[in-house]
């Protein structure tokens, strides 16, 4: 067995638990700062669809002392927790905040896009709460969440006073056309590097939104729009204001300026909030807590694997570690470059093909999961081509390897259940989030888990059967493996966003959604590489790590995306 690294998994398991639960506790302390209560709720929407939300209730909000309310909504393939930065800061200032899961997202019933994305139902539920001042209701939505709150505004035009759209727009493809009088008191936060500027406001470069003819029509002017200037009248409900933070579309979630501009707009359009300066923000400590939880989650899975592996029942999984090659010769470098860059090069072609050719249906109910699954299978084919003729050492027995992988993953999710029940939080950093799947999502995971796992079996086999080198220490083994899986995506994204930041024009603007999805891949693939090497160093086999990766990625994607065809 390989030497040079601590072998006892108990320390990793204990430390992982400390990080996971300690981080969740920190996140909860931030969410509830100032006496705010956070509740995980369900309510019935149109057609009997079950809706999910987090409800933030300040201590000052009671039936006797009603508080202003805000409906906060995440974007496409996100969930209610993605709006935590906004929700935490709104609640600290005395607003009752309802952060819903859109239909077909998170724990809300589907399909996605139905029932006005869940916006009208969310607004109706917020107004039904006894502690909410129904004369002071605001709505905030990011991206497709903006269309969600606009759907609510269209359904109930007199039931709110102000809206903040973050990286969103009025009009096609999913919202009612805007005008100088609709929606009421509109605050638009549109970032200078938003990837969706063509779709949203008809401009090639997001920084040119000030010259958008579509936006000028909403603001009621023919002149270039001046950021931070109020147009129209708050009293008449025709006020408009534009803010342009220097971030990207997903960057709105973690932008103090984007959050501050929303706070500022509601402070002048709604009554009854506490006058805390918009620069006074604490939400990022919650982000730090859930990020610690994310690290702890991975450590728990690996620690549990190491502890369980020592049991007699898993003797058939243990084996001798035999690095594949003697040196990094020309053949090794060719395999490394193919492993690194071909998956990145196939990413956009596969994603576009699935979007254009495969309609969501009960067999393949999630478009993004279908895209990732086909991409993984294409990668498996590439890995097979790379690995032809490779000589593998003894491999772990399948049945105990599967059982060990299941138990290891279950240990991580047990910690996630504890964090959810005790602290109403999951494990996440920005757009990387590990969420508990509900029953429907578990059933969907059954559809995708085998093909996704086949993909990881092929890629991890190439990683250990072609790219491990004799004489490497543990740091080199982990480092080269992470580079092999993630480098192609890192280079692709650095080039893509480098051009974007320099010119304002996104090279992959033809498919901005997949561009944003790709941001997760370097992190996820780095974690897969770490899991692969950790398990290989203890078993000499690619199978246990690939099985764990297949399960984790399947659950991660299925619970974190939209369901369209169920």
Protein backbone atom coordinates (compact mmCIF):
# COMPACT_ATOMS: atom_id res chain seq x y z
CA UNK A 1 0.00 0.00 0.00
CA UNK A 2 1.20 3.56 -0.76
CA UNK A 3 2.95 5.41 2.03
CA UNK A 4 3.51 9.06 2.94
CA UNK A 5 0.00 10.04 4.01
CA UNK A 6 -1.99 9.29 7.20
CA UNK A 7 -3.78 5.98 6.83
CA UNK A 8 -6.32 6.16 9.64
CA UNK A 9 -9.67 7.40 8.31
CA UNK A 10 -11.04 8.17 11.77
CA UNK A 11 -9.30 11.55 11.90
CA UNK A 12 -10.78 12.48 8.52
CA UNK A 13 -14.26 11.31 9.53
CA UNK A 14 -14.20 13.26 12.80
CA UNK A 15 -12.76 16.40 11.22
CA UNK A 16 -15.27 16.16 8.38
CA UNK A 17 -18.15 15.97 10.85
CA UNK A 18 -16.78 18.95 12.74
CA UNK A 19 -16.53 21.00 9.55
CA UNK A 20 -19.93 19.92 8.24
CA UNK A 21 -21.92 20.51 11.41
CA UNK A 22 -19.81 23.43 12.62
CA UNK A 23 -20.19 25.12 9.25
CA UNK A 24 -23.94 24.46 9.28
CA UNK A 25 -24.17 25.96 12.76
CA UNK A 26 -22.30 29.07 11.60
CA UNK A 27 -24.60 29.36 8.58
CA UNK A 28 -27.65 29.10 10.81
CA UNK A 29 -26.32 31.74 13.20
CA UNK A 30 -25.97 34.14 10.28
CA UNK A 31 -29.43 33.31 8.90
CA UNK A 32 -31.03 33.94 12.27
CA UNK A 33 -28.97 37.01 13.26
CA UNK A 34 -31.00 39.64 15.06
CA UNK A 35 -33.73 37.23 16.09
CA UNK A 36 -34.85 36.09 12.61
CA UNK A 37 -36.60 32.71 12.54
CA UNK A 38 -36.05 30.54 9.47
CA UNK A 39 -38.71 27.95 8.63
CA UNK A 40 -38.75 25.25 5.97
CA UNK A 41 -42.34 25.32 4.70
CA UNK A 42 -44.63 23.72 2.12
CA UNK A 43 -47.86 25.14 0.72
CA UNK A 44 -50.28 24.16 -2.04
CA UNK A 45 -50.14 26.05 -5.30
CA UNK A 46 -52.22 26.08 -8.46
CA UNK A 47 -53.54 22.68 -9.46
CA UNK A 48 -52.58 21.21 -6.08
CA UNK A 49 -48.84 21.43 -6.83
CA UNK A 50 -46.79 21.37 -3.64
CA UNK A 51 -44.58 24.45 -3.31
CA UNK A 52 -41.45 24.67 -1.18
CA UNK A 53 -39.91 27.72 0.46
CA UNK A 54 -37.75 29.07 3.23
CA UNK A 55 -39.60 31.66 5.29
CA UNK A 56 -37.55 34.29 7.14
CA UNK A 57 -39.52 35.99 9.91
CA UNK A 58 -37.94 38.85 11.92
CA UNK A 59 -38.74 38.96 15.63
CA UNK A 60 -40.49 42.30 15.10
CA UNK A 61 -43.00 40.81 12.64
CA UNK A 62 -46.20 39.76 14.41
CA UNK A 63 -49.94 39.92 13.64
CA UNK A 64 -50.06 42.99 15.91
CA UNK A 65 -47.00 44.67 14.36
CA UNK A 66 -47.06 43.68 10.72
CA UNK A 67 -43.89 43.90 8.67
CA UNK A 68 -43.27 44.51 4.96
CA UNK A 69 -42.80 41.36 2.91
CA UNK A 70 -40.55 40.33 0.03
CA UNK A 71 -40.90 37.39 -2.35
CA UNK A 72 -37.37 36.29 -3.37
CA UNK A 73 -36.87 33.86 -6.26
CA UNK A 74 -33.80 32.07 -7.65
CA UNK A 75 -32.97 31.53 -11.32
CA UNK A 76 -33.10 28.52 -13.62
CA UNK A 77 -31.53 25.27 -12.32
CA UNK A 78 -30.98 26.81 -8.88
CA UNK A 79 -32.97 26.55 -5.67
CA UNK A 80 -34.34 28.66 -2.83
CA UNK A 81 -30.99 28.69 -0.97
CA UNK A 82 -29.31 30.45 -3.91
CA UNK A 83 -31.06 33.65 -2.80
CA UNK A 84 -29.72 33.44 0.76
CA UNK A 85 -27.55 36.54 0.41
CA UNK A 86 -30.59 38.63 -0.47
CA UNK A 87 -32.95 36.90 1.96
CA UNK A 88 -30.59 37.25 4.93
CA UNK A 89 -30.04 40.95 4.34
CA UNK A 90 -33.72 41.67 3.73
CA UNK A 91 -34.74 39.81 6.91
CA UNK A 92 -32.11 41.63 9.01
CA UNK A 93 -33.81 44.85 7.99
CA UNK A 94 -37.23 43.71 9.17
CA UNK A 95 -38.78 42.26 6.02
CA UNK A 96 -40.63 38.95 6.09
CA UNK A 97 -38.97 37.04 3.24
CA UNK A 98 -40.44 34.11 1.34
CA UNK A 99 -37.68 32.45 -0.73
CA UNK A 100 -39.48 29.90 -2.89
CA UNK A 101 -38.35 27.01 -5.04
CA UNK A 102 -39.70 27.60 -8.54
CA UNK A 103 -41.96 24.89 -9.91
CA UNK A 104 -39.89 21.91 -10.97
CA UNK A 105 -36.93 23.10 -8.89
CA UNK A 106 -35.73 22.10 -5.44
CA UNK A 107 -38.64 20.62 -3.52
CA UNK A 108 -41.49 22.29 -5.45
CA UNK A 109 -43.69 20.20 -7.69
CA UNK A 110 -43.20 20.36 -11.43
CA UNK A 111 -42.86 20.61 -14.24
CA UNK A 112 -40.52 23.57 -14.51
CA UNK A 113 -41.99 26.72 -16.15
CA UNK A 114 -45.54 25.77 -15.09
CA UNK A 115 -47.91 27.95 -13.05
CA UNK A 116 -45.97 31.13 -13.86
CA UNK A 117 -42.85 29.43 -12.46
CA UNK A 118 -44.67 29.43 -9.08
CA UNK A 119 -44.57 33.22 -8.77
CA UNK A 120 -48.31 33.94 -8.46
CA UNK A 121 -48.68 31.20 -5.85
CA UNK A 122 -45.70 32.54 -3.91
CA UNK A 123 -47.08 36.08 -3.85
CA UNK A 124 -50.52 34.87 -2.78
CA UNK A 125 -49.01 32.82 0.05
CA UNK A 126 -46.83 35.71 1.24
CA UNK A 127 -49.85 38.00 1.38
CA UNK A 128 -51.78 35.39 3.39
CA UNK A 129 -49.34 35.50 6.31
CA UNK A 130 -50.74 37.23 9.36
CA UNK A 131 -47.50 39.06 10.16
CA UNK A 132 -47.14 40.62 6.68
CA UNK A 133 -48.22 44.17 5.83
CA UNK A 134 -50.01 43.58 2.55
CA UNK A 135 -49.70 47.27 1.66
CA UNK A 136 -45.91 46.94 1.55
CA UNK A 137 -44.94 43.97 -0.61
CA UNK A 138 -41.81 43.79 -2.74
CA UNK A 139 -40.56 41.08 -5.08
CA UNK A 140 -36.98 40.23 -6.10
CA UNK A 141 -35.90 37.64 -8.65
CA UNK A 142 -32.66 36.62 -10.31
CA UNK A 143 -32.62 35.58 -13.99
CA UNK A 144 -35.63 33.30 -14.53
CA UNK A 145 -36.61 34.25 -11.00
CA UNK A 146 -37.20 37.71 -12.45
CA UNK A 147 -39.71 36.22 -14.87
CA UNK A 148 -41.23 34.42 -11.89
CA UNK A 149 -41.92 37.64 -9.99
CA UNK A 150 -43.09 39.32 -13.20
CA UNK A 151 -45.59 36.48 -13.64
CA UNK A 152 -46.80 37.27 -10.12
CA UNK A 153 -47.00 40.98 -10.97
CA UNK A 154 -49.03 40.20 -14.09
CA UNK A 155 -51.41 37.93 -12.17
CA UNK A 156 -51.84 40.33 -9.23
CA UNK A 157 -51.06 43.84 -10.53
CA UNK A 158 -52.31 45.61 -7.40
CA UNK A 159 -50.79 43.28 -4.79
CA UNK A 160 -47.22 44.59 -4.65
CA UNK A 161 -45.45 47.96 -4.60
CA UNK A 162 -41.98 47.35 -6.04
CA UNK A 163 -39.83 44.85 -7.94
CA UNK A 164 -36.10 44.23 -8.23
CA UNK A 165 -34.92 42.27 -11.26
CA UNK A 166 -31.40 40.88 -10.89
CA UNK A 167 -29.93 39.87 -14.25
CA UNK A 168 -33.41 39.56 -15.72
CA UNK A 169 -35.78 41.37 -18.07
CA UNK A 170 -39.32 42.10 -19.04
CA UNK A 171 -40.74 40.76 -22.30
CA UNK A 172 -39.90 37.72 -24.39
CA UNK A 173 -39.34 34.86 -24.05
CA UNK A 174 -41.27 34.31 -20.79
CA UNK A 175 -42.44 37.63 -19.34
CA UNK A 176 -44.99 40.27 -20.22
CA UNK A 177 -43.62 43.26 -22.12
CA UNK A 178 -42.55 46.10 -19.89
CA UNK A 179 -43.68 49.72 -20.22
CA UNK A 180 -43.19 53.00 -18.35
CA UNK A 181 -46.07 51.99 -16.07
CA UNK A 182 -45.54 48.21 -15.73
CA UNK A 183 -44.20 46.64 -13.63
CA UNK A 184 -44.62 48.91 -10.66
CA UNK A 185 -41.51 50.67 -9.30
CA UNK A 186 -38.90 48.64 -11.14
CA UNK A 187 -35.32 48.39 -9.92
CA UNK A 188 -33.08 46.68 -12.47
CA UNK A 189 -29.68 45.36 -11.41
CA UNK A 190 -27.93 44.32 -14.60
CA UNK A 191 -24.26 43.44 -14.35
CA UNK A 192 -21.61 44.70 -16.75
CA UNK A 193 -20.59 41.13 -17.60
CA UNK A 194 -23.95 39.40 -17.74
CA UNK A 195 -23.73 36.42 -20.11
CA UNK A 196 -27.40 36.71 -21.17
CA UNK A 197 -27.50 40.32 -22.44
CA UNK A 198 -28.68 39.40 -25.95
CA UNK A 199 -31.55 37.30 -24.63
CA UNK A 200 -32.56 39.74 -21.92
CA UNK A 201 -32.16 43.23 -23.39
CA UNK A 202 -31.15 42.73 -27.03
CA UNK A 203 -27.57 43.98 -26.72
CA UNK A 204 -24.43 42.05 -27.58
CA UNK A 205 -22.49 43.47 -24.66
CA UNK A 206 -24.04 43.72 -21.21
CA UNK A 207 -22.30 47.02 -20.51
CA UNK A 208 -24.31 48.48 -23.41
CA UNK A 209 -27.61 47.87 -21.63
CA UNK A 210 -27.78 51.65 -21.05
CA UNK A 211 -28.40 51.97 -24.80
CA UNK A 212 -30.91 49.10 -25.10
CA UNK A 213 -33.97 50.19 -27.06
CA UNK A 214 -36.02 47.62 -25.15
CA UNK A 215 -34.91 49.02 -21.80
CA UNK A 216 -35.45 52.61 -22.88
CA UNK A 217 -39.05 51.72 -23.70
CA UNK A 218 -39.50 50.39 -20.16
CA UNK A 219 -37.89 53.48 -18.65
CA UNK A 220 -39.94 55.82 -20.85
CA UNK A 221 -36.98 57.65 -22.39
CA UNK A 222 -35.23 57.93 -25.74
CA UNK A 223 -31.95 58.93 -24.16
CA UNK A 224 -29.11 56.76 -22.85
CA UNK A 225 -30.12 55.52 -19.39
CA UNK A 226 -28.11 56.97 -16.53
CA UNK A 227 -27.31 54.36 -13.84
CA UNK A 228 -28.51 55.14 -10.30
CA UNK A 229 -30.87 57.87 -11.57
CA UNK A 230 -34.54 57.50 -10.65
CA UNK A 231 -36.94 57.83 -13.59
CA UNK A 232 -40.68 58.27 -13.08
CA UNK A 233 -42.52 58.51 -9.75
CA UNK A 234 -42.39 56.16 -6.76
CA UNK A 235 -45.73 57.51 -5.53
CA UNK A 236 -47.38 56.69 -8.86
CA UNK A 237 -45.67 53.30 -9.14
CA UNK A 238 -43.80 54.31 -12.31
CA UNK A 239 -40.31 54.70 -10.84
CA UNK A 240 -37.37 53.01 -12.58
CA UNK A 241 -33.71 52.75 -11.69
CA UNK A 242 -30.74 50.89 -13.18
CA UNK A 243 -27.60 49.63 -11.41
CA UNK A 244 -24.68 47.95 -13.19
CA UNK A 245 -22.31 46.05 -10.85
CA UNK A 246 -19.04 44.86 -12.41
CA UNK A 247 -19.81 41.14 -12.05
CA UNK A 248 -21.21 38.27 -14.12
CA UNK A 249 -24.72 36.83 -14.25
CA UNK A 250 -24.12 34.15 -11.56
CA UNK A 251 -21.89 36.64 -9.77
CA UNK A 252 -25.01 38.57 -8.72
CA UNK A 253 -25.55 35.96 -5.99
CA UNK A 254 -22.29 36.83 -4.26
CA UNK A 255 -22.01 40.51 -5.12
CA UNK A 256 -22.27 42.92 -2.17
CA UNK A 257 -23.12 45.68 -4.65
CA UNK A 258 -25.91 43.71 -6.34
CA UNK A 259 -27.40 42.94 -2.94
CA UNK A 260 -26.94 46.52 -1.75
CA UNK A 261 -28.80 47.95 -4.74
CA UNK A 262 -31.78 45.69 -4.01
CA UNK A 263 -31.74 46.79 -0.36
CA UNK A 264 -31.58 50.44 -1.40
CA UNK A 265 -34.51 50.16 -3.79
CA UNK A 266 -36.83 48.53 -1.28
CA UNK A 267 -35.77 51.07 1.37
CA UNK A 268 -37.28 53.88 -0.73
CA UNK A 269 -40.26 52.03 -2.21
CA UNK A 270 -41.52 50.09 0.82
CA UNK A 271 -42.27 51.27 4.35
CA UNK A 272 -41.58 49.67 7.71
CA UNK A 273 -38.01 48.36 7.38
CA UNK A 274 -35.13 48.96 9.79
CA UNK A 275 -32.69 51.64 8.53
CA UNK A 276 -29.55 49.51 8.36
CA UNK A 277 -27.11 50.84 5.71
CA UNK A 278 -26.97 48.64 2.63
CA UNK A 279 -23.19 48.40 3.01
CA UNK A 280 -23.69 46.59 6.34
CA UNK A 281 -23.84 42.97 5.17
CA UNK A 282 -23.12 39.65 6.89
CA UNK A 283 -24.44 37.07 4.40
CA UNK A 284 -20.94 36.05 3.29
CA UNK A 285 -20.34 34.38 6.67
CA UNK A 286 -23.24 32.08 5.89
CA UNK A 287 -21.53 31.31 2.57
CA UNK A 288 -18.34 30.53 4.48
CA UNK A 289 -20.22 28.18 6.80
CA UNK A 290 -21.85 26.18 4.03
CA UNK A 291 -18.52 26.07 2.17
CA UNK A 292 -16.94 24.46 5.24
CA UNK A 293 -19.83 22.03 5.19
CA UNK A 294 -19.09 21.19 1.57
CA UNK A 295 -15.47 20.37 2.41
CA UNK A 296 -16.59 18.38 5.44
CA UNK A 297 -19.05 16.41 3.33
CA UNK A 298 -16.28 15.12 1.04
CA UNK A 299 -14.07 14.34 4.03
CA UNK A 300 -16.87 12.33 5.66
CA UNK A 301 -17.38 10.25 2.52
CA UNK A 302 -13.65 9.49 2.25
CA UNK A 303 -13.17 8.98 5.98
CA UNK A 304 -16.08 6.54 6.08
CA UNK A 305 -14.60 4.70 3.10
CA UNK A 306 -11.25 4.30 4.85
CA UNK A 307 -12.81 3.13 8.13
CA UNK A 308 -15.19 0.66 6.44
CA UNK A 309 -12.46 -0.69 4.19
CA UNK A 310 -10.69 -2.14 7.21
CA UNK A 311 -13.64 -4.41 8.03
CA UNK A 312 -13.33 -8.10 7.07
CA UNK A 313 -16.42 -7.82 4.87
CA UNK A 314 -14.48 -5.61 2.46
CA UNK A 315 -11.31 -7.67 2.21
CA UNK A 316 -12.15 -8.28 -1.45
CA UNK A 317 -11.80 -4.55 -2.12
CA UNK A 318 -8.32 -4.15 -0.67
CA UNK A 319 -5.35 -4.59 -2.97
CA UNK A 320 -1.79 -3.63 -3.83
CA UNK A 321 -1.15 -0.22 -5.38
CA UNK A 322 0.73 -0.50 -8.65
CA UNK A 323 1.38 2.79 -10.53
CA UNK A 324 0.83 2.34 -14.24
CA UNK A 325 3.99 3.65 -15.90
CA UNK A 326 7.65 4.15 -15.09
CA UNK A 327 8.01 7.72 -16.37
CA UNK A 328 6.24 10.60 -18.09
CA UNK A 329 7.23 9.79 -21.63
CA UNK A 330 5.63 10.87 -24.89
CA UNK A 331 2.88 8.28 -24.61
CA UNK A 332 2.03 9.50 -21.09
CA UNK A 333 1.81 13.12 -22.21
CA UNK A 334 -0.46 12.22 -25.11
CA UNK A 335 -2.80 10.37 -22.74
CA UNK A 336 -2.68 13.28 -20.29
CA UNK A 337 -3.53 15.90 -22.92
CA UNK A 338 -6.36 13.81 -24.35
CA UNK A 339 -7.78 13.17 -20.87
CA UNK A 340 -7.53 16.87 -20.02
CA UNK A 341 -8.79 18.56 -23.15
CA UNK A 342 -11.06 16.25 -25.15
CA UNK A 343 -13.85 16.33 -22.50
CA UNK A 344 -13.75 20.15 -22.55
CA UNK A 345 -13.80 20.20 -26.36
CA UNK A 346 -16.86 17.91 -26.47
CA UNK A 347 -18.75 19.89 -23.82
CA UNK A 348 -20.52 22.49 -25.96
CA UNK A 349 -21.26 20.18 -28.95
CA UNK A 350 -22.89 17.61 -26.66
CA UNK A 351 -24.86 20.16 -24.64
CA UNK A 352 -26.15 21.94 -27.74
CA UNK A 353 -27.08 18.66 -29.43
CA UNK A 354 -29.11 17.46 -26.45
CA UNK A 355 -30.86 20.84 -26.12
CA UNK A 356 -31.85 20.84 -29.79
CA UNK A 357 -32.63 17.17 -30.30
CA UNK A 358 -33.86 15.68 -27.00
CA UNK A 359 -37.12 16.91 -25.53
CA UNK A 360 -37.66 16.27 -21.79
CA UNK A 361 -39.90 13.26 -21.18
CA UNK A 362 -40.64 10.75 -18.40
CA UNK A 363 -37.63 8.66 -19.46
CA UNK A 364 -35.24 11.64 -19.57
CA UNK A 365 -37.00 14.23 -17.39
CA UNK A 366 -34.15 16.66 -16.73
CA UNK A 367 -32.48 18.39 -19.67
CA UNK A 368 -29.28 19.37 -17.85
CA UNK A 369 -28.85 15.89 -16.34
CA UNK A 370 -29.37 14.37 -19.79
CA UNK A 371 -26.72 16.71 -21.20
CA UNK A 372 -24.21 15.77 -18.50
CA UNK A 373 -24.99 12.07 -18.89
CA UNK A 374 -24.40 12.06 -22.64
CA UNK A 375 -21.25 14.12 -22.14
CA UNK A 376 -20.00 11.55 -19.60
CA UNK A 377 -20.74 8.69 -22.04
CA UNK A 378 -18.87 10.47 -24.83
CA UNK A 379 -16.03 10.86 -22.36
CA UNK A 380 -16.23 7.14 -21.63
CA UNK A 381 -15.73 6.43 -25.31
CA UNK A 382 -12.73 8.74 -25.38
CA UNK A 383 -11.31 7.08 -22.26
CA UNK A 384 -11.74 3.65 -23.86
CA UNK A 385 -9.82 4.81 -26.91
CA UNK A 386 -7.06 6.23 -24.74
CA UNK A 387 -6.90 3.16 -22.55
CA UNK A 388 -6.83 0.43 -25.20
CA UNK A 389 -4.04 -1.96 -24.43
CA UNK A 390 -3.58 -0.68 -20.88
CA UNK A 391 -2.69 -3.38 -18.38
CA UNK A 392 -4.65 -3.15 -15.16
CA UNK A 393 -3.65 -4.67 -11.86
CA UNK A 394 -5.99 -6.71 -9.72
CA UNK A 395 -9.37 -5.00 -9.44
CA UNK A 396 -11.70 -4.80 -6.47
CA UNK A 397 -14.54 -7.32 -6.39
CA UNK A 398 -17.69 -5.70 -7.74
CA UNK A 399 -20.24 -6.54 -5.02
CA UNK A 400 -18.26 -5.42 -1.97
CA UNK A 401 -17.00 -2.39 -3.93
CA UNK A 402 -20.59 -1.35 -4.68
CA UNK A 403 -21.68 -1.87 -1.06
CA UNK A 404 -18.68 0.06 0.25
CA UNK A 405 -19.34 2.94 -2.15
CA UNK A 406 -23.02 3.10 -1.16
CA UNK A 407 -22.21 3.14 2.56
CA UNK A 408 -19.54 5.80 2.11
CA UNK A 409 -21.89 8.09 0.19
CA UNK A 410 -24.64 7.40 2.74
CA UNK A 411 -22.34 8.65 5.53
CA UNK A 412 -21.98 11.99 3.78
CA UNK A 413 -25.71 12.31 3.24
CA UNK A 414 -26.40 11.40 6.87
CA UNK A 415 -24.41 14.50 7.83
CA UNK A 416 -26.42 16.50 5.30
CA UNK A 417 -29.68 15.26 6.86
CA UNK A 418 -28.41 16.41 10.26
CA UNK A 419 -27.50 19.86 8.89
CA UNK A 420 -30.90 20.16 7.24
CA UNK A 421 -32.90 19.10 10.29
CA UNK A 422 -30.89 21.03 12.87
CA UNK A 423 -29.92 24.15 10.97
CA UNK A 424 -32.13 24.42 7.82
CA UNK A 425 -29.14 24.53 5.52
CA UNK A 426 -27.29 22.42 2.98
CA UNK A 427 -23.65 22.31 1.86
CA UNK A 428 -22.75 24.85 -0.82
CA UNK A 429 -20.36 27.43 -2.17
CA UNK A 430 -21.81 29.88 -4.68
CA UNK A 431 -23.34 27.70 -7.43
CA UNK A 432 -21.80 24.44 -6.12
CA UNK A 433 -24.41 22.86 -3.87
CA UNK A 434 -25.01 19.43 -2.38
CA UNK A 435 -28.72 19.14 -1.55
CA UNK A 436 -30.83 16.36 -0.12
CA UNK A 437 -32.83 14.73 -2.92
CA UNK A 438 -36.53 14.26 -2.31
CA UNK A 439 -38.40 11.08 -3.25
CA UNK A 440 -39.13 12.21 -6.80
CA UNK A 441 -35.49 13.16 -7.33
CA UNK A 442 -34.33 9.81 -6.00
CA UNK A 443 -36.56 8.12 -8.55
CA UNK A 444 -35.09 10.31 -11.28
CA UNK A 445 -31.58 9.48 -10.07
CA UNK A 446 -32.29 5.81 -10.76
CA UNK A 447 -32.69 6.71 -14.45
CA UNK A 448 -29.33 8.44 -14.75
CA UNK A 449 -27.05 6.74 -12.25
CA UNK A 450 -25.95 3.76 -14.37
CA UNK A 451 -24.91 5.69 -17.51
CA UNK A 452 -23.24 8.40 -15.45
CA UNK A 453 -21.35 5.80 -13.43
CA UNK A 454 -20.25 4.07 -16.64
CA UNK A 455 -18.76 7.39 -17.70
CA UNK A 456 -16.81 7.73 -14.47
CA UNK A 457 -15.69 4.11 -14.52
CA UNK A 458 -14.05 4.78 -17.87
CA UNK A 459 -12.47 8.13 -16.95
CA UNK A 460 -11.17 7.01 -13.56
CA UNK A 461 -9.76 3.83 -15.11
CA UNK A 462 -7.78 5.94 -17.56
CA UNK A 463 -6.64 8.14 -14.69
CA UNK A 464 -5.11 5.30 -12.68
CA UNK A 465 -4.24 2.81 -15.45
CA UNK A 466 -2.47 5.26 -17.74
CA UNK A 467 -1.48 8.33 -15.75
CA UNK A 468 -0.13 7.14 -12.38
CA UNK A 469 3.67 7.14 -12.34
CA UNK A 470 6.04 5.02 -10.30
CA UNK A 471 7.97 6.97 -7.71
CA UNK A 472 5.42 9.78 -7.34
CA UNK A 473 4.56 10.76 -3.79
CA UNK A 474 1.01 11.33 -2.67
CA UNK A 475 1.08 15.06 -3.43
CA UNK A 476 2.17 14.42 -7.01
CA UNK A 477 -0.44 11.70 -7.44
CA UNK A 478 -3.25 13.97 -6.31
CA UNK A 479 -1.91 16.97 -8.19
CA UNK A 480 -1.50 15.27 -11.58
CA UNK A 481 -4.90 13.59 -11.27
CA UNK A 482 -6.65 16.90 -10.60
CA UNK A 483 -4.89 18.49 -13.55
CA UNK A 484 -5.79 15.56 -15.78
CA UNK A 485 -9.51 15.88 -15.11
CA UNK A 486 -9.95 19.62 -14.64
CA UNK A 487 -7.24 21.41 -16.65
CA UNK A 488 -9.14 21.39 -19.96
CA UNK A 489 -12.16 23.12 -18.41
CA UNK A 490 -9.96 25.59 -16.54
CA UNK A 491 -8.19 26.60 -19.75
CA UNK A 492 -11.48 26.80 -21.67
CA UNK A 493 -13.10 29.02 -19.04
CA UNK A 494 -10.04 31.23 -18.56
CA UNK A 495 -9.91 31.88 -22.32
CA UNK A 496 -13.68 32.36 -22.58
CA UNK A 497 -14.00 34.75 -19.65
CA UNK A 498 -10.67 36.42 -20.36
CA UNK A 499 -11.98 37.54 -23.74
CA UNK A 500 -15.32 38.41 -22.13
CA UNK A 501 -13.77 40.67 -19.51
CA UNK A 502 -11.43 42.33 -22.03
CA UNK A 503 -13.97 42.94 -24.80
CA UNK A 504 -17.40 42.65 -23.21
CA UNK A 505 -18.27 39.99 -25.79
CA UNK A 506 -18.65 36.38 -24.59
CA UNK A 507 -17.13 33.99 -27.18
CA UNK A 508 -19.67 31.30 -26.23
CA UNK A 509 -22.64 33.71 -26.26
CA UNK A 510 -24.47 31.28 -28.57
CA UNK A 511 -25.03 29.08 -25.51
CA UNK A 512 -24.64 31.24 -22.39
CA UNK A 513 -26.51 28.77 -20.15
CA UNK A 514 -24.02 25.98 -20.82
CA UNK A 515 -21.22 28.50 -20.27
CA UNK A 516 -22.53 29.17 -16.77
CA UNK A 517 -23.03 25.44 -16.12
CA UNK A 518 -19.40 24.82 -17.13
CA UNK A 519 -18.24 26.98 -14.21
CA UNK A 520 -19.02 24.07 -11.89
CA UNK A 521 -16.95 21.51 -13.78
CA UNK A 522 -13.43 22.40 -12.56
CA UNK A 523 -14.55 22.10 -8.93
CA UNK A 524 -16.59 18.92 -9.42
CA UNK A 525 -13.90 17.21 -11.51
CA UNK A 526 -11.19 18.18 -9.02
CA UNK A 527 -13.25 16.50 -6.30
CA UNK A 528 -13.70 13.41 -8.51
CA UNK A 529 -9.93 13.23 -9.03
CA UNK A 530 -9.29 13.46 -5.27
CA UNK A 531 -11.82 10.69 -4.61
CA UNK A 532 -10.30 8.53 -7.35
CA UNK A 533 -6.73 8.79 -6.03
CA UNK A 534 -7.77 8.46 -2.37
CA UNK A 535 -9.61 5.19 -3.03
CA UNK A 536 -7.01 3.86 -5.49
CA UNK A 537 -4.21 4.40 -2.95
CA UNK A 538 -6.10 2.16 -0.54
CA UNK A 539 -7.35 -0.51 -2.96
CA UNK A 540 -5.16 -0.49 -6.06
CA UNK A 541 -8.39 -0.37 -8.07
CA UNK A 542 -10.26 2.26 -10.05
CA UNK A 543 -13.67 0.77 -9.27
CA UNK A 544 -14.50 2.06 -5.76
CA UNK A 545 -13.62 5.67 -6.59
CA UNK A 546 -15.54 5.60 -9.86
CA UNK A 547 -18.60 4.13 -8.15
CA UNK A 548 -18.53 6.82 -5.45
CA UNK A 549 -18.08 9.54 -8.07
CA UNK A 550 -20.96 8.20 -10.14
CA UNK A 551 -23.33 8.21 -7.17
CA UNK A 552 -22.26 11.60 -5.86
CA UNK A 553 -22.41 13.37 -9.21
CA UNK A 554 -25.78 11.84 -10.06
CA UNK A 555 -27.34 12.96 -6.77
CA UNK A 556 -25.62 16.35 -6.99
CA UNK A 557 -26.97 17.07 -10.46
CA UNK A 558 -30.46 15.58 -10.09
CA UNK A 559 -31.20 17.41 -6.83
CA UNK A 560 -29.75 20.68 -8.10
CA UNK A 561 -31.36 21.15 -11.50
CA UNK A 562 -34.81 21.55 -13.04
CA UNK A 563 -37.29 18.77 -13.76
CA UNK A 564 -39.22 19.39 -16.97
CA UNK A 565 -40.63 16.06 -18.11
CA UNK A 566 -41.64 14.09 -15.01
